[in-house]
Amino acid sequence: MDRRQEILEGAAKSFSLFGYKATTMDQVAKIANVGKGTIYTFFSNKEELFNAIVLKMINEMRAEADAVSVEGAPFEQNAHARLMQMLKFRGTHQLYVKLIDEEKELRTPAVGEVLQAIEKEIVFYVKEKIEKGIAKGEVKPCDTELVAYMLFKAYLALVSDWDKTHDEELSEERIAALLNGTIFKSLLV
């Protein structure tokens, strides 16, 4: 493994354990087992290092979402599978969970900006899939960015927020049935 990769892994561990605000370059150097100066040969500051880790996390999330897609399956089935996978990733990826907690507790501006950037990436990803669906004739022409945003927020609310105000979690099957009967029904050709 090269030094840059060692630094990225050490930094990811540090940010996952301590959060953005509490992570220092000294901690990263210690965890990565490199000198602090070595970090600065690859990254000019903590923000640049953090952004590199977040970009890697976004790429991992996209790859996991793509992995659940089934070739030849209906648009709504793949859209549902991809969105559910991204939300599972969001709830189980240690760094992502830590960032959400830090934003709630400390309102760290850099973390808030990164979480907004991640949300934009998710919406962009969904938008791309809708545009492909339109090109294939599976989806009606629409405002793809608005529909992507609406889909993401609907899934987020049903998967992450519903049980905060209700006594039960919604099953994945129930969420799929609800959205197939409403949003997807209006989108599909």
Protein backbone atom coordinates (compact mmCIF):
# COMPACT_ATOMS: atom_id res chain seq x y z
CA MET A 1 0.00 0.00 0.00
CA ASP A 2 1.32 3.44 -0.85
CA ARG A 3 1.71 6.30 1.62
CA ARG A 4 -1.21 8.31 0.24
CA GLN A 5 -3.54 5.34 0.73
CA GLU A 6 -2.21 4.78 4.28
CA ILE A 7 -2.94 8.43 5.06
CA LEU A 8 -6.45 8.20 3.60
CA GLU A 9 -7.21 5.08 5.65
CA GLY A 10 -5.81 6.62 8.82
CA ALA A 11 -7.77 9.81 8.25
CA ALA A 12 -10.97 7.89 7.53
CA LYS A 13 -10.55 6.05 10.85
CA SER A 14 -9.87 9.28 12.71
CA PHE A 15 -12.83 11.16 11.19
CA SER A 16 -15.06 8.12 11.82
CA LEU A 17 -14.03 7.89 15.47
CA PHE A 18 -13.66 11.53 16.45
CA GLY A 19 -15.61 13.47 13.86
CA TYR A 20 -14.39 16.30 11.69
CA LYS A 21 -14.00 18.95 14.35
CA ALA A 22 -12.02 16.80 16.81
CA THR A 23 -9.73 15.19 14.24
CA THR A 24 -6.25 16.65 14.05
CA MET A 25 -3.46 16.04 11.58
CA ASP A 26 -1.40 14.68 14.51
CA GLN A 27 -4.06 12.01 15.12
CA VAL A 28 -4.16 11.12 11.44
CA ALA A 29 -0.36 10.82 11.36
CA LYS A 30 -0.38 8.56 14.42
CA ILE A 31 -3.16 6.30 13.10
CA ALA A 32 -1.60 6.14 9.63
CA ASN A 33 1.85 5.55 11.15
CA VAL A 34 3.44 8.34 9.12
CA GLY A 35 5.08 11.61 10.00
CA LYS A 36 2.82 14.65 10.04
CA GLY A 37 4.96 16.22 7.31
CA THR A 38 4.26 13.23 5.06
CA ILE A 39 0.56 14.07 5.15
CA TYR A 40 1.32 17.57 3.88
CA THR A 41 3.17 16.18 0.87
CA PHE A 42 -0.19 14.81 -0.32
CA PHE A 43 -2.78 17.13 1.26
CA SER A 44 -2.36 20.83 1.95
CA ASN A 45 -4.75 20.87 4.93
CA LYS A 46 -7.36 18.95 6.91
CA GLU A 47 -10.17 20.15 4.64
CA GLU A 48 -8.50 18.78 1.51
CA LEU A 49 -7.87 15.45 3.23
CA PHE A 50 -11.47 15.33 4.48
CA ASN A 51 -12.84 16.08 1.01
CA ALA A 52 -10.76 13.27 -0.49
CA ILE A 53 -12.21 10.83 2.04
CA VAL A 54 -15.76 12.03 1.44
CA LEU A 55 -15.31 11.67 -2.33
CA LYS A 56 -14.13 8.09 -1.81
CA MET A 57 -17.19 7.45 0.39
CA ILE A 58 -19.53 8.85 -2.28
CA ASN A 59 -17.95 6.60 -4.91
CA GLU A 60 -18.40 3.59 -2.60
CA MET A 61 -22.06 4.47 -2.10
CA ARG A 62 -22.63 4.80 -5.85
CA ALA A 63 -20.91 1.46 -6.46
CA GLU A 64 -23.05 -0.27 -3.84
CA ALA A 65 -26.20 1.26 -5.33
CA ASP A 66 -25.21 0.14 -8.83
CA ALA A 67 -24.45 -3.37 -7.53
CA VAL A 68 -28.09 -3.97 -6.52
CA SER A 69 -29.42 -3.07 -9.96
CA VAL A 70 -30.77 -5.98 -12.00
CA GLU A 71 -30.20 -5.87 -15.76
CA GLY A 72 -33.54 -5.84 -17.57
CA ALA A 73 -35.61 -5.21 -14.42
CA PRO A 74 -38.32 -2.54 -14.51
CA PHE A 75 -37.22 1.03 -13.81
CA GLU A 76 -39.12 1.28 -10.53
CA GLN A 77 -37.61 -1.97 -9.20
CA ASN A 78 -34.06 -0.79 -9.84
CA ALA A 79 -34.79 2.74 -8.59
CA HIS A 80 -36.23 1.31 -5.38
CA ALA A 81 -33.29 -1.07 -4.88
CA ARG A 82 -30.72 1.66 -5.51
CA LEU A 83 -32.37 4.20 -3.20
CA MET A 84 -32.79 1.65 -0.43
CA GLN A 85 -29.14 0.64 -0.77
CA MET A 86 -27.97 4.26 -0.54
CA LEU A 87 -30.03 4.75 2.61
CA LYS A 88 -28.67 1.52 4.09
CA PHE A 89 -25.18 2.79 3.30
CA ARG A 90 -26.05 6.11 4.94
CA GLY A 91 -27.18 4.35 8.11
CA THR A 92 -24.35 1.85 8.41
CA HIS A 93 -21.21 3.54 7.04
CA GLN A 94 -19.28 4.58 10.13
CA LEU A 95 -18.04 7.91 8.75
CA TYR A 96 -21.43 8.87 7.30
CA VAL A 97 -23.14 8.11 10.62
CA LYS A 98 -20.52 10.14 12.53
CA LEU A 99 -20.99 13.12 10.20
CA ILE A 100 -24.77 13.06 10.66
CA ASP A 101 -24.32 12.90 14.45
CA GLU A 102 -21.77 15.73 14.42
CA GLU A 103 -24.06 17.91 12.34
CA LYS A 104 -26.95 17.33 14.79
CA GLU A 105 -24.86 17.87 17.92
CA LEU A 106 -22.24 20.46 16.98
CA ARG A 107 -23.49 22.06 13.76
CA THR A 108 -19.93 22.09 12.41
CA PRO A 109 -20.10 24.23 9.24
CA ALA A 110 -17.66 22.05 7.25
CA VAL A 111 -19.71 18.95 8.08
CA GLY A 112 -22.97 20.66 7.13
CA GLU A 113 -21.46 21.63 3.78
CA VAL A 114 -20.22 18.10 3.15
CA LEU A 115 -23.59 16.56 4.02
CA GLN A 116 -25.26 18.97 1.59
CA ALA A 117 -22.70 18.03 -1.07
CA ILE A 118 -23.40 14.32 -0.46
CA GLU A 119 -27.14 14.94 -0.80
CA LYS A 120 -26.53 16.79 -4.08
CA GLU A 121 -24.48 13.83 -5.32
CA ILE A 122 -27.28 11.42 -4.41
CA VAL A 123 -29.86 13.58 -6.19
CA PHE A 124 -27.54 13.85 -9.21
CA TYR A 125 -27.12 10.06 -9.25
CA VAL A 126 -30.91 9.52 -9.15
CA LYS A 127 -31.35 12.20 -11.82
CA GLU A 128 -28.94 10.32 -14.11
CA LYS A 129 -30.95 7.13 -13.67
CA ILE A 130 -34.22 8.94 -14.43
CA GLU A 131 -32.68 10.44 -17.58
CA LYS A 132 -31.59 6.96 -18.69
CA GLY A 133 -35.14 5.74 -18.02
CA ILE A 134 -36.50 8.55 -20.19
CA ALA A 135 -34.02 7.70 -22.97
CA LYS A 136 -35.13 4.05 -22.85
CA GLY A 137 -38.79 5.06 -22.99
CA GLU A 138 -39.53 3.68 -19.50
CA VAL A 139 -40.12 7.06 -17.83
CA LYS A 140 -42.19 10.03 -18.97
CA PRO A 141 -40.26 13.22 -19.69
CA CYS A 142 -40.16 15.30 -16.51
CA ASP A 143 -38.08 17.76 -14.52
CA THR A 144 -35.50 15.12 -13.66
CA GLU A 145 -33.73 17.06 -10.93
CA LEU A 146 -36.97 17.88 -9.12
CA VAL A 147 -38.24 14.30 -9.40
CA ALA A 148 -34.87 12.93 -8.22
CA TYR A 149 -34.97 15.24 -5.21
CA MET A 150 -38.55 14.24 -4.44
CA LEU A 151 -37.74 10.52 -4.68
CA PHE A 152 -34.70 10.83 -2.44
CA LYS A 153 -36.58 12.86 0.18
CA ALA A 154 -39.59 10.50 0.09
CA TYR A 155 -37.34 7.48 0.66
CA LEU A 156 -35.37 9.30 3.35
CA ALA A 157 -38.56 10.24 5.19
CA LEU A 158 -40.05 6.75 5.01
CA VAL A 159 -36.85 4.88 5.87
CA SER A 160 -35.23 7.21 8.41
CA ASP A 161 -37.91 9.49 9.84
CA TRP A 162 -41.16 7.52 9.98
CA ASP A 163 -40.30 5.49 13.08
CA LYS A 164 -39.36 8.64 15.02
CA THR A 165 -43.03 9.66 15.18
CA HIS A 166 -44.69 6.26 14.82
CA ASP A 167 -44.54 3.04 16.81
CA GLU A 168 -43.32 0.90 13.93
CA GLU A 169 -40.76 0.91 11.16
CA LEU A 170 -42.07 0.54 7.64
CA SER A 171 -41.00 -2.62 5.87
CA GLU A 172 -39.13 -2.31 2.61
CA GLU A 173 -42.05 -4.05 0.87
CA ARG A 174 -44.53 -1.52 2.25
CA ILE A 175 -42.35 1.40 1.16
CA ALA A 176 -42.01 -0.10 -2.34
CA ALA A 177 -45.76 -0.66 -2.61
CA LEU A 178 -46.54 2.86 -1.46
CA LEU A 179 -44.13 4.54 -3.84
CA ASN A 180 -45.02 2.22 -6.74
CA GLY A 181 -48.67 3.18 -6.28
CA THR A 182 -47.97 6.90 -6.14
CA ILE A 183 -44.74 8.47 -7.41
CA PHE A 184 -43.60 5.70 -9.77
CA LYS A 185 -47.12 5.23 -11.14
CA SER A 186 -47.13 8.84 -12.31
CA LEU A 187 -43.60 8.60 -13.79
CA LEU A 188 -43.80 5.41 -15.78
CA VAL A 189 -44.81 5.26 -19.41
